[in-house]
Protein backbone atom coordinates (compact mmCIF):
# COMPACT_ATOMS: atom_id res chain seq x y z
CA MET A 1 6.94 47.64 -12.23
CA PRO A 2 3.82 45.71 -11.43
CA ASN A 3 4.76 43.36 -14.26
CA GLU A 4 8.38 42.74 -12.80
CA LEU A 5 6.21 42.13 -9.50
CA ILE A 6 3.82 39.91 -11.40
CA SER A 7 6.90 38.11 -13.02
CA ARG A 8 8.77 37.55 -9.51
CA SER A 9 5.65 36.02 -7.58
CA THR A 10 5.19 33.73 -10.84
CA ARG A 11 9.18 32.75 -10.58
CA LEU A 12 8.25 32.09 -7.25
CA THR A 13 5.17 29.99 -7.57
CA GLN A 14 7.03 28.14 -9.90
CA ALA A 15 9.91 27.56 -8.08
CA GLY A 16 7.74 26.36 -4.46
CA ARG A 17 5.88 23.86 -6.80
CA TRP A 18 9.32 22.25 -8.35
CA ALA A 19 10.42 21.79 -5.22
CA LEU A 20 7.05 20.60 -3.91
CA VAL A 21 7.65 18.22 -6.88
CA GLY A 22 11.08 17.21 -5.68
CA GLY A 23 9.94 16.64 -1.97
CA LEU A 24 7.19 14.31 -3.10
CA VAL A 25 9.11 12.26 -5.39
CA ILE A 26 12.03 12.05 -2.94
CA ALA A 27 9.10 11.13 -0.26
CA LEU A 28 7.61 8.70 -3.10
CA LEU A 29 11.19 7.10 -3.76
CA LEU A 30 12.07 6.65 0.43
CA VAL A 31 8.44 5.15 0.90
CA GLY A 32 9.01 2.38 -2.16
CA VAL A 33 12.79 1.86 -1.07
CA TYR A 34 11.80 1.73 2.75
CA ASP A 35 8.64 -0.32 2.30
CA GLU A 36 9.75 -3.29 4.17
CA ALA A 37 10.12 -1.25 7.20
CA ILE A 38 7.39 1.18 6.95
CA ILE A 39 4.74 -2.28 6.67
CA ALA A 40 6.97 -3.42 9.73
CA SER A 41 6.44 -0.74 11.67
CA PHE A 42 2.46 -0.59 10.47
CA THR A 43 1.83 -4.08 11.48
CA VAL A 44 3.37 -3.36 15.40
CA LEU A 45 1.10 -0.31 15.23
CA TRP A 46 -2.28 -1.57 14.14
CA GLN A 47 -1.27 -5.41 16.07
CA LYS A 48 -1.20 -2.83 19.13
CA GLY A 49 -4.31 -0.85 18.24
CA LEU A 50 -6.43 -4.07 17.63
CA ALA A 51 -5.40 -5.28 21.23
CA ALA A 52 -6.09 -1.83 22.69
CA VAL A 53 -9.74 -1.83 21.57
CA GLY A 54 -10.11 -5.70 21.91
CA LEU A 55 -10.20 -6.77 18.22
CA ARG A 56 -6.73 -8.61 18.00
CA GLN A 57 -8.66 -12.21 17.72
CA GLN A 58 -11.31 -11.05 15.57
CA ALA A 59 -8.78 -9.69 13.31
CA GLU A 60 -6.73 -12.66 13.33
CA ALA A 61 -9.45 -14.66 12.51
CA LEU A 62 -10.19 -12.69 9.71
CA GLN A 63 -6.06 -12.32 8.46
CA LYS A 64 -6.48 -16.33 8.16
CA GLY A 65 -9.12 -16.39 6.01
CA ILE A 66 -6.97 -14.45 3.73
CA ASN A 67 -5.70 -16.28 0.73
CA GLY A 68 -2.03 -15.91 0.84
CA GLY A 69 -2.10 -15.12 -3.00
CA ILE A 70 -3.46 -11.54 -2.02
CA THR A 71 -1.06 -11.19 0.99
CA LYS A 72 0.87 -12.91 3.86
CA ARG A 73 1.15 -9.53 5.80
CA LEU A 74 -1.26 -7.95 8.30
CA LEU A 75 -3.94 -6.69 6.06
CA PRO A 76 -4.46 -3.43 7.63
CA ALA A 77 -0.70 -2.60 7.74
CA VAL A 78 -0.47 -3.31 3.82
CA ALA A 79 -3.43 -1.53 3.27
CA THR A 80 -2.53 1.30 4.95
CA TYR A 81 0.73 1.59 3.30
CA ALA A 82 -0.98 0.92 0.01
CA LEU A 83 -3.00 4.17 0.93
CA LEU A 84 0.59 6.51 2.09
CA TYR A 85 1.83 5.41 -1.25
CA LEU A 86 -1.35 6.00 -3.45
CA GLY A 87 -2.04 9.41 -1.19
CA ILE A 88 1.67 10.47 -2.05
CA CYS A 89 1.07 9.31 -6.14
CA LEU A 90 -1.97 11.36 -6.14
CA LEU A 91 -0.76 14.50 -4.30
CA LEU A 92 1.97 14.40 -6.94
CA LEU A 93 -0.33 13.83 -10.17
CA ARG A 94 -2.41 16.77 -8.39
CA VAL A 95 0.82 18.98 -8.47
CA LEU A 96 2.28 18.34 -11.73
CA LEU A 97 -1.21 18.09 -13.42
CA PRO A 98 -2.79 21.60 -12.37
CA ALA A 99 -5.47 21.58 -15.03
CA PRO A 100 -9.02 19.83 -13.11
CA ALA A 101 -10.05 18.16 -16.04
CA GLN A 102 -7.05 16.41 -16.11
CA TRP A 103 -6.86 15.93 -12.02
CA ARG A 104 -10.40 14.27 -12.58
CA LEU A 105 -9.50 11.76 -15.09
CA VAL A 106 -6.57 10.96 -12.82
CA LEU A 107 -8.97 9.94 -10.20
CA ARG A 108 -11.31 8.56 -12.49
CA LEU A 109 -8.57 6.07 -13.69
CA TYR A 110 -6.90 5.41 -10.55
CA ALA A 111 -10.79 4.44 -8.74
CA GLY A 112 -11.73 2.61 -12.40
CA ILE A 113 -8.27 0.31 -11.77
CA LEU A 114 -9.11 -0.43 -7.85
CA ALA A 115 -12.58 -0.96 -8.75
CA VAL A 116 -11.14 -3.64 -11.37
CA TYR A 117 -8.63 -5.29 -8.60
CA VAL A 118 -11.51 -5.38 -6.30
CA GLY A 119 -13.50 -7.53 -8.64
CA ILE A 120 -10.57 -9.83 -9.71
CA ALA A 121 -9.93 -10.50 -6.29
CA LEU A 122 -14.03 -11.18 -5.54
CA VAL A 123 -13.99 -13.06 -8.67
CA GLY A 124 -11.11 -15.42 -6.83
CA LYS A 125 -12.78 -15.59 -3.79
CA LEU A 126 -16.03 -16.79 -5.09
CA SER A 127 -14.35 -19.22 -7.63
CA GLY A 128 -13.10 -21.21 -4.59
CA ASP A 129 -9.57 -19.41 -4.18
CA ALA A 130 -8.31 -19.71 -7.78
CA PRO A 131 -4.90 -18.94 -7.81
CA TRP A 132 -5.16 -17.10 -11.50
CA ALA A 133 -7.24 -14.06 -9.77
CA TYR A 134 -5.34 -13.42 -6.87
CA GLN A 135 -1.78 -13.88 -9.12
CA LEU A 136 -3.97 -11.35 -11.60
CA SER A 137 -5.17 -8.85 -8.78
CA ARG A 138 -2.19 -9.06 -7.16
CA GLN A 139 0.29 -7.40 -10.58
CA ILE A 140 -2.85 -5.06 -10.80
CA LEU A 141 -2.02 -3.95 -7.28
CA ASP A 142 1.44 -3.69 -7.95
CA PHE A 143 1.45 -1.71 -10.69
CA VAL A 144 -1.41 0.70 -9.20
CA VAL A 145 1.10 1.22 -5.82
CA SER A 146 4.29 2.33 -7.97
CA PRO A 147 5.60 5.29 -9.44
CA LEU A 148 4.96 3.73 -13.23
CA PRO A 149 1.16 4.96 -13.44
CA VAL A 150 2.07 8.52 -12.37
CA ALA A 151 5.08 8.88 -14.84
CA ALA A 152 2.92 7.61 -18.04
CA LEU A 153 0.01 9.69 -16.73
CA TYR A 154 2.36 13.06 -16.78
CA VAL A 155 3.84 12.26 -19.95
CA LEU A 156 0.57 11.35 -21.62
CA PHE A 157 -1.02 14.33 -20.55
CA ARG A 158 2.50 16.78 -21.43
CA ALA A 159 2.31 15.00 -24.90
CA GLY A 160 -1.55 16.14 -25.65
CA PHE A 161 -3.91 13.00 -24.94
CA GLY A 162 -6.09 13.77 -22.54
CA PRO A 163 -7.71 17.02 -20.78
CA ARG A 164 -5.45 19.85 -22.11
CA SER A 165 -3.87 21.82 -19.30
CA PRO A 166 -4.03 25.69 -19.18
CA ARG A 167 -1.39 27.78 -20.64
CA PRO A 168 0.48 30.09 -18.46
């Protein structure tokens, strides 16, 4: 009887885990498909919020100083969208990769690639708005804010690369 109870609770836990994975995948797809509408909504929210606290002119001046190779949209809105997308990706990877060592490696990889992105963008700014740096940094950011790293990391870890996950 106790083994049956443990087995049944394990199945429910696994079913709940896969339901969560499915929900996160659907959320990721919807956020990706409706990116323009989401960014437009974030733009309106940020514009209203910045105006409400009296920072609209400062934000507009900052936006004018940003190279068009990075973004032509309101930077806080784009950053909010990127954080939403990355948050869903990281949550999905956390559910898919239960081993703490795998999760730490995922966080280090994402942090490393985002540091490379920031570094290249800074090099572009310091070198007089070098177009190659902005193009490269934009391609890196487009890669990070996509489902490709999630799929690649999951497949690599499941294939045995990286830290091992615990066996049930």
